[in-house]
Amino acid sequence: MQSESISFTISGSFLTNLCRQLNAEGNREKALKILDESFDEISIEQAELICDGKLSIIDSGDGMLELAAENEEYKGLLESMNVQKMKPLDAWDF
């Protein structure tokens, strides 16, 4: 039997919106788990800020993702963190 494979890319905006939607539905722990297990580089504080609408995950254009402040108010908060580009992990199990 011939096997086939499928691949896909999840954008930063999709992941941001998914986690915020889960949080709004009362599933904050699941949203935090998704973020924690999706990136080695993300801290729990950053994951909470994403769920709270203060930070977003954006595509950096080179196959990597990075954090961005939602507005000027949160830009200083982002600058105070040692934020690096993030590479999504290959597999999820949640």
N, C-alpha and C. Protein backbone atom coordinates (compact mmCIF):
# COMPACT_ATOMS: atom_id res chain seq x y z
N MET A 1 0.84 -1.17 0.00
CA MET A 1 0.00 0.00 0.00
C MET A 1 0.89 1.24 0.00
N GLN A 2 0.61 2.15 -0.88
CA GLN A 2 1.39 3.37 -0.99
C GLN A 2 0.97 4.34 0.11
N SER A 3 1.95 4.93 0.77
CA SER A 3 1.63 5.92 1.79
C SER A 3 1.87 7.32 1.23
N GLU A 4 1.13 8.25 1.73
CA GLU A 4 1.27 9.64 1.33
C GLU A 4 1.43 10.48 2.59
N SER A 5 2.04 11.61 2.41
CA SER A 5 2.20 12.49 3.56
C SER A 5 1.59 13.85 3.24
N ILE A 6 1.29 14.56 4.27
CA ILE A 6 0.74 15.89 4.14
C ILE A 6 1.54 16.80 5.06
N SER A 7 1.74 18.00 4.62
CA SER A 7 2.42 18.98 5.48
C SER A 7 1.65 20.29 5.41
N PHE A 8 1.78 21.07 6.45
CA PHE A 8 1.10 22.35 6.50
C PHE A 8 1.86 23.25 7.46
N THR A 9 1.58 24.53 7.34
CA THR A 9 2.20 25.53 8.19
C THR A 9 1.11 26.24 8.97
N ILE A 10 1.36 26.44 10.22
CA ILE A 10 0.43 27.19 11.06
C ILE A 10 1.00 28.59 11.24
N SER A 11 0.24 29.58 10.90
CA SER A 11 0.72 30.95 10.99
C SER A 11 0.66 31.45 12.43
N GLY A 12 1.43 32.47 12.68
CA GLY A 12 1.45 33.07 14.00
C GLY A 12 0.09 33.65 14.38
N SER A 13 -0.58 34.27 13.41
CA SER A 13 -1.89 34.86 13.71
C SER A 13 -2.92 33.78 14.03
N PHE A 14 -2.85 32.63 13.35
CA PHE A 14 -3.77 31.54 13.66
C PHE A 14 -3.57 31.07 15.09
N LEU A 15 -2.32 30.85 15.47
CA LEU A 15 -2.03 30.36 16.81
C LEU A 15 -2.44 31.38 17.87
N THR A 16 -2.17 32.66 17.61
CA THR A 16 -2.60 33.72 18.53
C THR A 16 -4.11 33.70 18.71
N ASN A 17 -4.83 33.67 17.59
CA ASN A 17 -6.30 33.70 17.65
C ASN A 17 -6.87 32.44 18.30
N LEU A 18 -6.28 31.28 18.02
CA LEU A 18 -6.74 30.04 18.63
C LEU A 18 -6.63 30.11 20.15
N CYS A 19 -5.49 30.54 20.63
CA CYS A 19 -5.27 30.59 22.08
C CYS A 19 -6.14 31.63 22.75
N ARG A 20 -6.35 32.75 22.09
CA ARG A 20 -7.25 33.77 22.66
C ARG A 20 -8.69 33.29 22.69
N GLN A 21 -9.10 32.56 21.66
CA GLN A 21 -10.46 32.03 21.63
C GLN A 21 -10.65 30.99 22.75
N LEU A 22 -9.67 30.10 22.91
CA LEU A 22 -9.75 29.13 24.00
C LEU A 22 -9.83 29.83 25.34
N ASN A 23 -9.03 30.86 25.52
CA ASN A 23 -9.03 31.62 26.77
C ASN A 23 -10.40 32.26 27.00
N ALA A 24 -10.98 32.84 25.96
CA ALA A 24 -12.29 33.48 26.08
C ALA A 24 -13.39 32.48 26.43
N GLU A 25 -13.20 31.24 26.00
CA GLU A 25 -14.18 30.18 26.27
C GLU A 25 -13.96 29.52 27.63
N GLY A 26 -12.99 30.01 28.38
CA GLY A 26 -12.72 29.45 29.71
C GLY A 26 -11.71 28.32 29.72
N ASN A 27 -11.01 28.12 28.61
CA ASN A 27 -10.01 27.06 28.51
C ASN A 27 -8.59 27.63 28.53
N ARG A 28 -8.31 28.50 29.50
CA ARG A 28 -7.00 29.16 29.58
C ARG A 28 -5.87 28.15 29.71
N GLU A 29 -6.07 27.13 30.52
CA GLU A 29 -5.01 26.14 30.72
C GLU A 29 -4.65 25.43 29.41
N LYS A 30 -5.64 25.12 28.61
CA LYS A 30 -5.38 24.48 27.32
C LYS A 30 -4.63 25.44 26.39
N ALA A 31 -5.03 26.71 26.39
CA ALA A 31 -4.34 27.71 25.57
C ALA A 31 -2.88 27.83 25.98
N LEU A 32 -2.64 27.90 27.29
CA LEU A 32 -1.26 28.01 27.79
C LEU A 32 -0.46 26.75 27.45
N LYS A 33 -1.11 25.60 27.52
CA LYS A 33 -0.42 24.35 27.19
C LYS A 33 -0.03 24.32 25.71
N ILE A 34 -0.92 24.78 24.85
CA ILE A 34 -0.61 24.82 23.42
C ILE A 34 0.62 25.69 23.18
N LEU A 35 0.64 26.87 23.77
CA LEU A 35 1.78 27.77 23.58
C LEU A 35 3.05 27.20 24.18
N ASP A 36 2.95 26.63 25.36
CA ASP A 36 4.12 26.06 26.03
C ASP A 36 4.71 24.89 25.24
N GLU A 37 3.84 24.05 24.69
CA GLU A 37 4.32 22.88 23.98
C GLU A 37 4.66 23.16 22.51
N SER A 38 4.29 24.33 22.02
CA SER A 38 4.56 24.68 20.63
C SER A 38 5.94 25.30 20.43
N PHE A 39 6.46 25.90 21.48
CA PHE A 39 7.73 26.63 21.37
C PHE A 39 8.60 26.35 22.57
N ASP A 40 9.87 26.06 22.32
CA ASP A 40 10.82 25.92 23.43
C ASP A 40 11.14 27.28 24.03
N GLU A 41 11.08 28.33 23.20
CA GLU A 41 11.56 29.64 23.60
C GLU A 41 10.56 30.48 24.39
N ILE A 42 9.30 30.10 24.43
CA ILE A 42 8.27 30.95 25.03
C ILE A 42 8.16 30.69 26.54
N SER A 43 8.03 31.75 27.29
CA SER A 43 7.87 31.63 28.75
C SER A 43 6.38 31.61 29.09
N ILE A 44 6.07 31.19 30.29
CA ILE A 44 4.68 31.18 30.73
C ILE A 44 4.15 32.61 30.80
N GLU A 45 5.00 33.55 31.19
CA GLU A 45 4.60 34.97 31.25
C GLU A 45 4.22 35.46 29.84
N GLN A 46 5.01 35.11 28.85
CA GLN A 46 4.71 35.52 27.48
C GLN A 46 3.43 34.85 26.98
N ALA A 47 3.24 33.58 27.31
CA ALA A 47 2.02 32.86 26.92
C ALA A 47 0.79 33.53 27.53
N GLU A 48 0.89 33.93 28.78
CA GLU A 48 -0.23 34.61 29.44
C GLU A 48 -0.53 35.96 28.77
N LEU A 49 0.51 36.68 28.38
CA LEU A 49 0.33 37.97 27.71
C LEU A 49 -0.31 37.80 26.33
N ILE A 50 -0.02 36.69 25.67
CA ILE A 50 -0.67 36.40 24.38
C ILE A 50 -2.16 36.14 24.61
N CYS A 51 -2.46 35.31 25.59
CA CYS A 51 -3.87 35.00 25.90
C CYS A 51 -4.64 36.24 26.33
N ASP A 52 -3.95 37.17 27.00
CA ASP A 52 -4.58 38.40 27.48
C ASP A 52 -4.67 39.50 26.42
N GLY A 53 -4.15 39.24 25.22
CA GLY A 53 -4.26 40.21 24.14
C GLY A 53 -3.21 41.30 24.14
N LYS A 54 -2.14 41.12 24.90
CA LYS A 54 -1.09 42.14 24.97
C LYS A 54 0.04 41.88 23.98
N LEU A 55 0.31 40.62 23.70
CA LEU A 55 1.31 40.22 22.72
C LEU A 55 0.67 39.34 21.67
N SER A 56 1.26 39.32 20.49
CA SER A 56 0.82 38.44 19.40
C SER A 56 2.01 37.67 18.88
N ILE A 57 1.73 36.55 18.26
CA ILE A 57 2.75 35.79 17.54
C ILE A 57 2.60 36.18 16.07
N ILE A 58 3.69 36.60 15.45
CA ILE A 58 3.64 37.00 14.05
C ILE A 58 4.67 36.21 13.25
N ASP A 59 4.43 36.12 11.96
CA ASP A 59 5.38 35.47 11.07
C ASP A 59 6.49 36.47 10.75
N SER A 60 7.73 36.02 10.84
CA SER A 60 8.86 36.92 10.58
C SER A 60 9.32 36.86 9.12
N GLY A 61 8.73 35.98 8.32
CA GLY A 61 9.04 35.93 6.90
C GLY A 61 10.17 34.99 6.53
N ASP A 62 10.79 34.38 7.51
CA ASP A 62 11.91 33.47 7.23
C ASP A 62 11.64 32.07 7.78
N GLY A 63 10.37 31.73 7.93
CA GLY A 63 10.00 30.43 8.48
C GLY A 63 9.99 30.41 10.00
N MET A 64 10.29 31.53 10.60
CA MET A 64 10.30 31.64 12.05
C MET A 64 9.12 32.51 12.48
N LEU A 65 8.85 32.49 13.76
CA LEU A 65 7.81 33.31 14.35
C LEU A 65 8.44 34.20 15.41
N GLU A 66 7.78 35.31 15.72
CA GLU A 66 8.28 36.18 16.77
C GLU A 66 7.12 36.84 17.48
N LEU A 67 7.41 37.41 18.64
CA LEU A 67 6.39 38.10 19.41
C LEU A 67 6.35 39.56 19.01
N ALA A 68 5.14 40.13 19.03
CA ALA A 68 4.96 41.54 18.74
C ALA A 68 3.98 42.11 19.75
N ALA A 69 4.20 43.36 20.11
CA ALA A 69 3.28 44.06 21.01
C ALA A 69 2.02 44.43 20.24
N GLU A 70 0.87 44.31 20.88
CA GLU A 70 -0.40 44.65 20.23
C GLU A 70 -0.54 46.15 20.01
N ASN A 71 0.08 46.97 20.87
CA ASN A 71 0.01 48.42 20.69
C ASN A 71 1.19 49.07 21.41
N GLU A 72 1.29 50.37 21.32
CA GLU A 72 2.42 51.10 21.90
C GLU A 72 2.52 50.89 23.40
N GLU A 73 1.39 50.74 24.07
CA GLU A 73 1.37 50.55 25.52
C GLU A 73 2.18 49.33 25.94
N TYR A 74 2.15 48.29 25.13
CA TYR A 74 2.82 47.04 25.48
C TYR A 74 4.20 46.89 24.84
N LYS A 75 4.59 47.86 24.03
CA LYS A 75 5.89 47.79 23.36
C LYS A 75 7.04 47.77 24.37
N GLY A 76 6.95 48.59 25.40
CA GLY A 76 7.98 48.62 26.45
C GLY A 76 8.06 47.30 27.19
N LEU A 77 6.92 46.68 27.41
CA LEU A 77 6.88 45.37 28.06
C LEU A 77 7.62 44.34 27.23
N LEU A 78 7.38 44.36 25.94
CA LEU A 78 8.04 43.42 25.04
C LEU A 78 9.55 43.68 25.01
N GLU A 79 9.93 44.95 24.98
CA GLU A 79 11.35 45.30 24.93
C GLU A 79 12.09 44.89 26.19
N SER A 80 11.39 44.80 27.32
CA SER A 80 12.02 44.41 28.57
C SER A 80 12.29 42.90 28.65
N MET A 81 11.69 42.15 27.75
CA MET A 81 11.89 40.70 27.71
C MET A 81 12.99 40.37 26.71
N ASN A 82 13.69 39.32 26.97
CA ASN A 82 14.70 38.86 26.02
C ASN A 82 14.00 37.95 25.01
N VAL A 83 13.42 38.57 23.99
CA VAL A 83 12.61 37.83 23.02
C VAL A 83 13.45 37.49 21.80
N GLN A 84 13.39 36.24 21.43
CA GLN A 84 14.10 35.77 20.25
C GLN A 84 13.08 35.23 19.26
N LYS A 85 13.52 35.05 18.04
CA LYS A 85 12.64 34.39 17.07
C LYS A 85 12.41 32.96 17.53
N MET A 86 11.24 32.45 17.20
CA MET A 86 10.85 31.13 17.67
C MET A 86 10.61 30.22 16.48
N LYS A 87 11.03 29.00 16.63
CA LYS A 87 10.75 27.99 15.62
C LYS A 87 9.69 27.06 16.18
N PRO A 88 8.57 26.91 15.47
CA PRO A 88 7.54 26.00 15.97
C PRO A 88 8.06 24.57 16.04
N LEU A 89 7.66 23.85 17.05
CA LEU A 89 8.03 22.45 17.16
C LEU A 89 7.31 21.66 16.09
N ASP A 90 7.86 20.52 15.74
CA ASP A 90 7.34 19.74 14.62
C ASP A 90 6.02 19.03 14.90
N ALA A 91 5.75 18.69 16.15
CA ALA A 91 4.56 17.90 16.43
C ALA A 91 3.88 18.39 17.70
N TRP A 92 2.58 18.23 17.73
CA TRP A 92 1.80 18.59 18.90
C TRP A 92 1.09 17.34 19.39
N ASP A 93 0.89 17.27 20.67
CA ASP A 93 0.11 16.18 21.26
C ASP A 93 -0.69 16.77 22.41
N PHE A 94 -1.91 17.22 22.10
CA PHE A 94 -2.73 17.81 23.16
C PHE A 94 -4.18 17.44 23.01
